[in-house]
């Protein structure tokens, strides 16, 4: 059986789709993005440390991230990947929190293929989704169990 990949970039299925049995996309939309908002968020770290992080140690660890490396990761604009989703032949789950600023774009992107299952996590924002394991894991496990 081919492996599944979790936490991917939207464009990944294009070159690697035949090598995987499924994809899970978290909080990513397929549309062009100049990445200015993300760079600003990293510069100020306002969004990087969400309210969901209650532990002082976890908050300190997140604030200690290498901002230069994070800025490099979002230096270049993201190109439109809608054609990738329209041609998707591998089962895919797109997961997003209902408080994510990109919620509507992600929901719209999920409509490009019948191979995509769209899942909303109530109360989670963009970064907080990563800390919502108890809410996210059951959806992923169910999805992976149903892969033929």
N, C-alpha and C. Protein backbone atom coordinates (compact mmCIF):
# COMPACT_ATOMS: atom_id res chain seq x y z
N UNK A 1 0.83 -1.18 0.00
CA UNK A 1 0.00 0.00 0.00
C UNK A 1 0.88 1.24 0.00
N UNK A 2 0.50 2.20 -0.80
CA UNK A 2 1.23 3.46 -0.85
C UNK A 2 0.98 4.25 0.43
N UNK A 3 1.96 5.01 0.88
CA UNK A 3 1.78 5.79 2.12
C UNK A 3 0.86 6.98 1.90
N UNK A 4 0.36 7.50 2.99
CA UNK A 4 -0.40 8.74 2.98
C UNK A 4 0.54 9.85 3.40
N UNK A 5 0.22 11.05 3.00
CA UNK A 5 1.02 12.19 3.46
C UNK A 5 0.08 13.17 4.14
N UNK A 6 0.52 13.68 5.26
CA UNK A 6 -0.27 14.61 6.04
C UNK A 6 0.48 15.92 6.14
N UNK A 7 -0.24 17.02 6.21
CA UNK A 7 0.32 18.36 6.35
C UNK A 7 1.18 18.72 5.13
N UNK A 8 0.55 18.86 4.01
CA UNK A 8 1.26 19.12 2.77
C UNK A 8 0.92 20.49 2.21
N UNK A 9 1.69 20.87 1.25
CA UNK A 9 1.36 22.06 0.48
C UNK A 9 0.40 21.65 -0.61
N UNK A 10 -0.47 22.55 -1.01
CA UNK A 10 -1.52 22.22 -1.96
C UNK A 10 -0.95 21.70 -3.29
N UNK A 11 0.17 22.18 -3.74
CA UNK A 11 0.72 21.78 -5.03
C UNK A 11 1.39 20.43 -5.05
N UNK A 12 1.60 19.81 -3.92
CA UNK A 12 2.33 18.55 -3.85
C UNK A 12 1.73 17.40 -4.66
N UNK A 13 0.39 17.26 -4.75
CA UNK A 13 -0.14 16.13 -5.51
C UNK A 13 0.27 16.09 -6.98
N UNK A 14 0.59 17.24 -7.56
CA UNK A 14 0.91 17.26 -8.98
C UNK A 14 2.11 16.36 -9.31
N UNK A 15 3.28 16.57 -8.71
CA UNK A 15 4.40 15.70 -9.07
C UNK A 15 4.43 14.37 -8.34
N UNK A 16 3.78 14.28 -7.17
CA UNK A 16 3.93 13.09 -6.35
C UNK A 16 2.65 12.28 -6.15
N UNK A 17 1.51 12.76 -6.68
CA UNK A 17 0.23 12.10 -6.47
C UNK A 17 0.23 10.61 -6.69
N UNK A 18 0.80 10.09 -7.77
CA UNK A 18 0.77 8.64 -8.00
C UNK A 18 1.54 7.83 -6.96
N UNK A 19 2.40 8.48 -6.19
CA UNK A 19 3.21 7.76 -5.20
C UNK A 19 2.53 7.66 -3.84
N UNK A 20 1.39 8.34 -3.66
CA UNK A 20 0.71 8.37 -2.37
C UNK A 20 -0.72 7.90 -2.50
N UNK A 21 -1.25 7.35 -1.40
CA UNK A 21 -2.63 6.86 -1.41
C UNK A 21 -3.62 7.95 -0.99
N UNK A 22 -3.13 9.02 -0.34
CA UNK A 22 -4.01 10.10 0.09
C UNK A 22 -3.18 11.31 0.51
N UNK A 23 -3.88 12.43 0.63
CA UNK A 23 -3.26 13.67 1.09
C UNK A 23 -4.17 14.32 2.13
N UNK A 24 -3.57 14.97 3.12
CA UNK A 24 -4.31 15.78 4.08
C UNK A 24 -3.69 17.17 4.05
N UNK A 25 -4.51 18.17 3.77
CA UNK A 25 -4.06 19.56 3.70
C UNK A 25 -4.66 20.30 4.88
N UNK A 26 -3.82 20.95 5.66
CA UNK A 26 -4.32 21.71 6.81
C UNK A 26 -4.08 23.20 6.60
N UNK A 27 -5.17 23.95 6.62
CA UNK A 27 -5.12 25.42 6.61
C UNK A 27 -4.36 25.99 5.42
N UNK A 28 -4.55 25.41 4.24
CA UNK A 28 -3.89 25.93 3.04
C UNK A 28 -4.88 26.00 1.90
N UNK A 29 -4.88 27.11 1.19
CA UNK A 29 -5.75 27.26 0.03
C UNK A 29 -4.91 27.22 -1.25
N UNK A 30 -5.54 26.95 -2.40
CA UNK A 30 -4.78 26.78 -3.64
C UNK A 30 -4.57 28.06 -4.44
N UNK A 31 -5.01 29.19 -3.95
CA UNK A 31 -4.98 30.42 -4.73
C UNK A 31 -3.66 31.18 -4.58
N UNK A 32 -3.41 32.04 -5.54
CA UNK A 32 -2.21 32.88 -5.50
C UNK A 32 -2.19 33.67 -4.19
N UNK A 33 -1.00 33.84 -3.64
CA UNK A 33 -0.87 34.54 -2.36
C UNK A 33 0.46 35.28 -2.37
N UNK A 34 0.42 36.58 -2.14
CA UNK A 34 1.66 37.36 -2.15
C UNK A 34 2.48 37.16 -0.86
N UNK A 35 1.91 36.52 0.15
CA UNK A 35 2.56 36.16 1.40
C UNK A 35 2.90 37.36 2.28
N UNK A 36 2.46 38.55 1.92
CA UNK A 36 2.75 39.74 2.74
C UNK A 36 2.14 39.61 4.13
N UNK A 37 0.92 39.11 4.21
CA UNK A 37 0.27 38.95 5.51
C UNK A 37 1.03 38.00 6.41
N UNK A 38 1.52 36.91 5.84
CA UNK A 38 2.27 35.95 6.64
C UNK A 38 3.60 36.55 7.10
N UNK A 39 4.27 37.27 6.20
CA UNK A 39 5.53 37.90 6.60
C UNK A 39 5.31 38.92 7.72
N UNK A 40 4.21 39.67 7.64
CA UNK A 40 3.91 40.64 8.69
C UNK A 40 3.61 39.92 10.01
N UNK A 41 2.88 38.81 9.92
CA UNK A 41 2.59 38.02 11.12
C UNK A 41 3.84 37.47 11.77
N UNK A 42 4.79 37.06 10.96
CA UNK A 42 6.06 36.55 11.49
C UNK A 42 6.88 37.69 12.08
N UNK A 43 6.86 38.82 11.40
CA UNK A 43 7.63 39.98 11.89
C UNK A 43 7.16 40.38 13.28
N UNK A 44 5.86 40.43 13.49
CA UNK A 44 5.32 40.87 14.78
C UNK A 44 5.06 39.69 15.72
N UNK A 45 4.96 38.49 15.16
CA UNK A 45 4.65 37.26 15.89
C UNK A 45 3.25 37.30 16.52
N UNK A 46 2.40 38.22 16.07
CA UNK A 46 1.05 38.34 16.61
C UNK A 46 0.24 37.06 16.42
N UNK A 47 0.29 36.50 15.23
CA UNK A 47 -0.52 35.31 14.96
C UNK A 47 0.21 34.02 15.30
N UNK A 48 1.52 34.10 15.47
CA UNK A 48 2.32 32.89 15.67
C UNK A 48 2.07 32.25 17.04
N UNK A 49 1.64 33.04 17.99
CA UNK A 49 1.40 32.53 19.34
C UNK A 49 -0.09 32.74 19.65
N UNK A 50 -0.92 31.79 19.23
CA UNK A 50 -2.37 31.95 19.37
C UNK A 50 -2.84 31.86 20.83
N UNK A 51 -4.05 32.32 21.04
CA UNK A 51 -4.64 32.30 22.37
C UNK A 51 -4.76 30.87 22.91
N UNK A 52 -4.83 29.89 22.02
CA UNK A 52 -4.97 28.50 22.43
C UNK A 52 -3.76 27.99 23.22
N UNK A 53 -2.62 28.68 23.09
CA UNK A 53 -1.42 28.26 23.80
C UNK A 53 -1.47 28.84 25.20
N UNK A 54 -1.78 28.02 26.15
CA UNK A 54 -1.93 28.48 27.53
C UNK A 54 -0.67 28.24 28.36
N UNK A 55 0.15 27.29 27.96
CA UNK A 55 1.36 26.97 28.70
C UNK A 55 2.41 28.04 28.45
N UNK A 56 3.00 28.56 29.53
CA UNK A 56 4.06 29.56 29.41
C UNK A 56 5.27 28.99 28.68
N UNK A 57 5.58 27.72 28.92
CA UNK A 57 6.73 27.09 28.25
C UNK A 57 6.48 26.98 26.74
N UNK A 58 5.27 26.57 26.35
CA UNK A 58 4.96 26.46 24.91
C UNK A 58 4.95 27.83 24.26
N UNK A 59 4.42 28.81 24.95
CA UNK A 59 4.40 30.17 24.43
C UNK A 59 5.83 30.67 24.21
N UNK A 60 6.70 30.45 25.17
CA UNK A 60 8.10 30.87 25.05
C UNK A 60 8.79 30.15 23.90
N UNK A 61 8.51 28.85 23.74
CA UNK A 61 9.11 28.08 22.65
C UNK A 61 8.68 28.62 21.30
N UNK A 62 7.40 28.96 21.16
CA UNK A 62 6.92 29.52 19.90
C UNK A 62 7.52 30.88 19.61
N UNK A 63 7.63 31.70 20.64
CA UNK A 63 8.21 33.03 20.45
C UNK A 63 9.70 32.97 20.15
N UNK A 64 10.36 31.86 20.50
CA UNK A 64 11.79 31.70 20.25
C UNK A 64 12.10 31.19 18.84
N UNK A 65 11.05 31.00 18.01
CA UNK A 65 11.27 30.54 16.64
C UNK A 65 12.27 31.44 15.91
N UNK A 66 12.96 30.87 14.97
CA UNK A 66 13.91 31.60 14.13
C UNK A 66 13.13 32.40 13.10
N UNK A 67 12.92 33.67 13.37
CA UNK A 67 12.12 34.51 12.47
C UNK A 67 12.74 34.63 11.09
N UNK A 68 14.04 34.64 11.02
CA UNK A 68 14.70 34.73 9.72
C UNK A 68 14.38 33.50 8.86
N UNK A 69 14.41 32.34 9.47
CA UNK A 69 14.08 31.11 8.73
C UNK A 69 12.61 31.10 8.32
N UNK A 70 11.73 31.54 9.22
CA UNK A 70 10.31 31.60 8.89
C UNK A 70 10.05 32.58 7.75
N UNK A 71 10.74 33.71 7.78
CA UNK A 71 10.59 34.71 6.70
C UNK A 71 11.07 34.14 5.37
N UNK A 72 12.16 33.38 5.41
CA UNK A 72 12.67 32.77 4.18
C UNK A 72 11.66 31.77 3.60
N UNK A 73 10.94 31.06 4.48
CA UNK A 73 9.97 30.07 4.02
C UNK A 73 8.79 30.70 3.31
N UNK A 74 8.53 31.97 3.57
CA UNK A 74 7.40 32.63 2.89
C UNK A 74 7.86 33.85 2.10
N UNK A 75 9.12 33.83 1.67
CA UNK A 75 9.68 34.94 0.91
C UNK A 75 9.01 35.09 -0.45
N UNK A 76 8.90 33.99 -1.17
CA UNK A 76 8.34 34.04 -2.53
C UNK A 76 6.82 33.90 -2.50
N UNK A 77 6.16 34.61 -3.40
CA UNK A 77 4.70 34.47 -3.48
C UNK A 77 4.33 33.03 -3.88
N UNK A 78 3.17 32.59 -3.45
CA UNK A 78 2.68 31.27 -3.85
C UNK A 78 1.85 31.44 -5.12
N UNK A 79 2.08 30.55 -6.06
CA UNK A 79 1.36 30.60 -7.33
C UNK A 79 0.03 29.86 -7.21
N UNK A 80 -0.86 30.15 -8.12
CA UNK A 80 -2.17 29.51 -8.14
C UNK A 80 -2.02 28.02 -8.40
N UNK A 81 -2.67 27.20 -7.56
CA UNK A 81 -2.60 25.74 -7.67
C UNK A 81 -3.97 25.12 -7.96
N UNK A 82 -4.92 25.91 -8.44
CA UNK A 82 -6.25 25.36 -8.66
C UNK A 82 -6.25 24.25 -9.71
N UNK A 83 -5.39 24.34 -10.71
CA UNK A 83 -5.34 23.28 -11.73
C UNK A 83 -4.94 21.94 -11.11
N UNK A 84 -4.09 21.99 -10.09
CA UNK A 84 -3.68 20.76 -9.40
C UNK A 84 -4.89 20.10 -8.76
N UNK A 85 -5.70 20.91 -8.08
CA UNK A 85 -6.88 20.34 -7.41
C UNK A 85 -7.92 19.86 -8.42
N UNK A 86 -8.07 20.57 -9.52
CA UNK A 86 -9.04 20.16 -10.54
C UNK A 86 -8.66 18.81 -11.15
N UNK A 87 -7.37 18.51 -11.21
CA UNK A 87 -6.90 17.25 -11.78
C UNK A 87 -6.61 16.18 -10.74
N UNK A 88 -7.00 16.40 -9.51
CA UNK A 88 -6.70 15.48 -8.41
C UNK A 88 -7.33 14.11 -8.63
N UNK A 89 -6.53 13.07 -8.52
CA UNK A 89 -7.05 11.70 -8.65
C UNK A 89 -6.79 10.89 -7.38
N UNK A 90 -6.23 11.53 -6.37
CA UNK A 90 -5.92 10.89 -5.10
C UNK A 90 -6.84 11.48 -4.03
N UNK A 91 -7.41 10.65 -3.14
CA UNK A 91 -8.26 11.19 -2.07
C UNK A 91 -7.51 12.24 -1.25
N UNK A 92 -8.21 13.30 -0.93
CA UNK A 92 -7.60 14.41 -0.21
C UNK A 92 -8.59 14.95 0.82
N UNK A 93 -8.08 15.29 1.98
CA UNK A 93 -8.87 15.95 3.01
C UNK A 93 -8.29 17.33 3.23
N UNK A 94 -9.15 18.34 3.24
CA UNK A 94 -8.71 19.70 3.54
C UNK A 94 -9.35 20.08 4.88
N UNK A 95 -8.52 20.43 5.85
CA UNK A 95 -8.98 20.74 7.20
C UNK A 95 -8.66 22.20 7.51
N UNK A 96 -9.63 22.90 8.08
CA UNK A 96 -9.44 24.31 8.43
C UNK A 96 -10.29 24.66 9.64
N UNK A 97 -9.78 25.57 10.45
CA UNK A 97 -10.56 26.07 11.57
C UNK A 97 -11.53 27.14 11.11
N UNK A 98 -12.70 27.21 11.72
CA UNK A 98 -13.70 28.18 11.28
C UNK A 98 -13.33 29.63 11.62
N UNK A 99 -12.27 29.83 12.40
CA UNK A 99 -11.79 31.18 12.71
C UNK A 99 -10.54 31.54 11.90
N UNK A 100 -10.15 30.68 10.98
CA UNK A 100 -8.99 30.94 10.12
C UNK A 100 -9.36 32.05 9.13
N UNK A 101 -8.49 33.02 8.97
CA UNK A 101 -8.73 34.12 8.03
C UNK A 101 -8.86 33.66 6.59
N UNK A 102 -8.37 32.46 6.29
CA UNK A 102 -8.46 31.92 4.93
C UNK A 102 -9.57 30.88 4.79
N UNK A 103 -10.46 30.81 5.77
CA UNK A 103 -11.51 29.78 5.78
C UNK A 103 -12.28 29.73 4.46
N UNK A 104 -12.79 30.85 4.01
CA UNK A 104 -13.61 30.86 2.79
C UNK A 104 -12.81 30.44 1.56
N UNK A 105 -11.55 30.87 1.47
CA UNK A 105 -10.71 30.47 0.34
C UNK A 105 -10.44 28.97 0.35
N UNK A 106 -10.20 28.42 1.54
CA UNK A 106 -9.94 26.98 1.66
C UNK A 106 -11.20 26.20 1.30
N UNK A 107 -12.34 26.66 1.78
CA UNK A 107 -13.61 26.02 1.47
C UNK A 107 -13.87 26.06 -0.04
N UNK A 108 -13.61 27.21 -0.66
CA UNK A 108 -13.77 27.33 -2.10
C UNK A 108 -12.82 26.39 -2.85
N UNK A 109 -11.59 26.30 -2.38
CA UNK A 109 -10.62 25.41 -3.01
C UNK A 109 -11.03 23.95 -2.94
N UNK A 110 -11.69 23.58 -1.87
CA UNK A 110 -12.13 22.19 -1.69
C UNK A 110 -13.19 21.79 -2.71
N UNK A 111 -13.84 22.76 -3.31
CA UNK A 111 -14.90 22.48 -4.30
C UNK A 111 -14.35 22.13 -5.68
N UNK A 112 -13.05 22.22 -5.87
CA UNK A 112 -12.47 21.97 -7.19
C UNK A 112 -12.43 20.50 -7.58
N UNK A 113 -12.61 19.61 -6.63
CA UNK A 113 -12.52 18.18 -6.96
C UNK A 113 -13.45 17.36 -6.07
N UNK A 114 -14.10 16.36 -6.66
CA UNK A 114 -14.90 15.45 -5.85
C UNK A 114 -14.03 14.53 -4.99
N UNK A 115 -12.73 14.56 -5.22
CA UNK A 115 -11.79 13.75 -4.43
C UNK A 115 -11.46 14.40 -3.08
N UNK A 116 -11.96 15.63 -2.87
CA UNK A 116 -11.62 16.37 -1.66
C UNK A 116 -12.76 16.31 -0.66
N UNK A 117 -12.42 15.95 0.57
CA UNK A 117 -13.35 16.03 1.69
C UNK A 117 -12.96 17.26 2.50
N UNK A 118 -13.91 18.13 2.75
CA UNK A 118 -13.66 19.37 3.49
C UNK A 118 -14.11 19.20 4.94
N UNK A 119 -13.25 19.56 5.89
CA UNK A 119 -13.56 19.43 7.32
C UNK A 119 -13.31 20.77 8.01
N UNK A 120 -14.29 21.20 8.79
CA UNK A 120 -14.17 22.42 9.58
C UNK A 120 -13.98 22.06 11.05
N UNK A 121 -13.00 22.69 11.69
CA UNK A 121 -12.78 22.51 13.11
C UNK A 121 -13.29 23.77 13.83
N UNK A 122 -14.41 23.65 14.56
CA UNK A 122 -14.99 24.81 15.24
C UNK A 122 -14.03 25.43 16.26
N UNK A 123 -13.97 26.75 16.25
CA UNK A 123 -13.20 27.48 17.25
C UNK A 123 -11.71 27.61 16.98
N UNK A 124 -11.20 26.98 15.94
CA UNK A 124 -9.75 27.03 15.67
C UNK A 124 -9.43 28.12 14.65
N UNK A 125 -8.33 28.84 14.89
CA UNK A 125 -7.83 29.79 13.90
C UNK A 125 -6.70 29.11 13.14
N UNK A 126 -5.95 29.86 12.36
CA UNK A 126 -4.93 29.27 11.48
C UNK A 126 -3.87 28.49 12.25
N UNK A 127 -3.24 29.11 13.21
CA UNK A 127 -2.19 28.45 13.97
C UNK A 127 -2.79 27.54 15.04
N UNK A 128 -3.89 27.96 15.63
CA UNK A 128 -4.54 27.17 16.66
C UNK A 128 -4.96 25.79 16.18
N UNK A 129 -5.18 25.65 14.87
CA UNK A 129 -5.54 24.35 14.31
C UNK A 129 -4.46 23.30 14.62
N UNK A 130 -3.21 23.74 14.61
CA UNK A 130 -2.11 22.82 14.89
C UNK A 130 -2.12 22.33 16.34
N UNK A 131 -2.81 23.06 17.20
CA UNK A 131 -2.89 22.70 18.61
C UNK A 131 -4.24 22.05 18.95
N UNK A 132 -4.98 21.70 17.93
CA UNK A 132 -6.31 21.12 18.11
C UNK A 132 -6.32 19.63 17.81
N UNK A 133 -5.31 18.94 18.29
CA UNK A 133 -5.15 17.51 17.98
C UNK A 133 -6.38 16.68 18.34
N UNK A 134 -6.98 16.96 19.49
CA UNK A 134 -8.15 16.18 19.91
C UNK A 134 -9.31 16.34 18.93
N UNK A 135 -9.41 17.49 18.28
CA UNK A 135 -10.49 17.72 17.32
C UNK A 135 -10.12 17.24 15.92
N UNK A 136 -8.84 17.35 15.55
CA UNK A 136 -8.40 17.03 14.20
C UNK A 136 -8.15 15.53 13.99
N UNK A 137 -7.48 14.89 14.94
CA UNK A 137 -7.06 13.49 14.77
C UNK A 137 -8.20 12.53 14.41
N UNK A 138 -9.36 12.60 15.04
CA UNK A 138 -10.42 11.66 14.66
C UNK A 138 -10.83 11.76 13.20
N UNK A 139 -10.83 12.98 12.65
CA UNK A 139 -11.18 13.17 11.23
C UNK A 139 -10.12 12.52 10.34
N UNK A 140 -8.85 12.77 10.67
CA UNK A 140 -7.77 12.20 9.86
C UNK A 140 -7.78 10.67 9.94
N UNK A 141 -7.94 10.13 11.13
CA UNK A 141 -7.95 8.67 11.29
C UNK A 141 -9.10 8.03 10.52
N UNK A 142 -10.29 8.63 10.60
CA UNK A 142 -11.43 8.10 9.85
C UNK A 142 -11.16 8.15 8.35
N UNK A 143 -10.63 9.28 7.90
CA UNK A 143 -10.33 9.47 6.48
C UNK A 143 -9.33 8.41 6.00
N UNK A 144 -8.25 8.22 6.75
CA UNK A 144 -7.22 7.25 6.36
C UNK A 144 -7.73 5.81 6.40
N UNK A 145 -8.59 5.50 7.34
CA UNK A 145 -9.15 4.15 7.42
C UNK A 145 -10.03 3.83 6.21
N UNK A 146 -10.63 4.85 5.62
CA UNK A 146 -11.53 4.64 4.49
C UNK A 146 -10.84 4.67 3.13
N UNK A 147 -9.52 4.87 3.11
CA UNK A 147 -8.79 4.87 1.86
C UNK A 147 -8.73 3.44 1.33
N UNK A 148 -9.14 3.27 0.11
CA UNK A 148 -9.15 1.92 -0.51
C UNK A 148 -7.83 1.65 -1.19
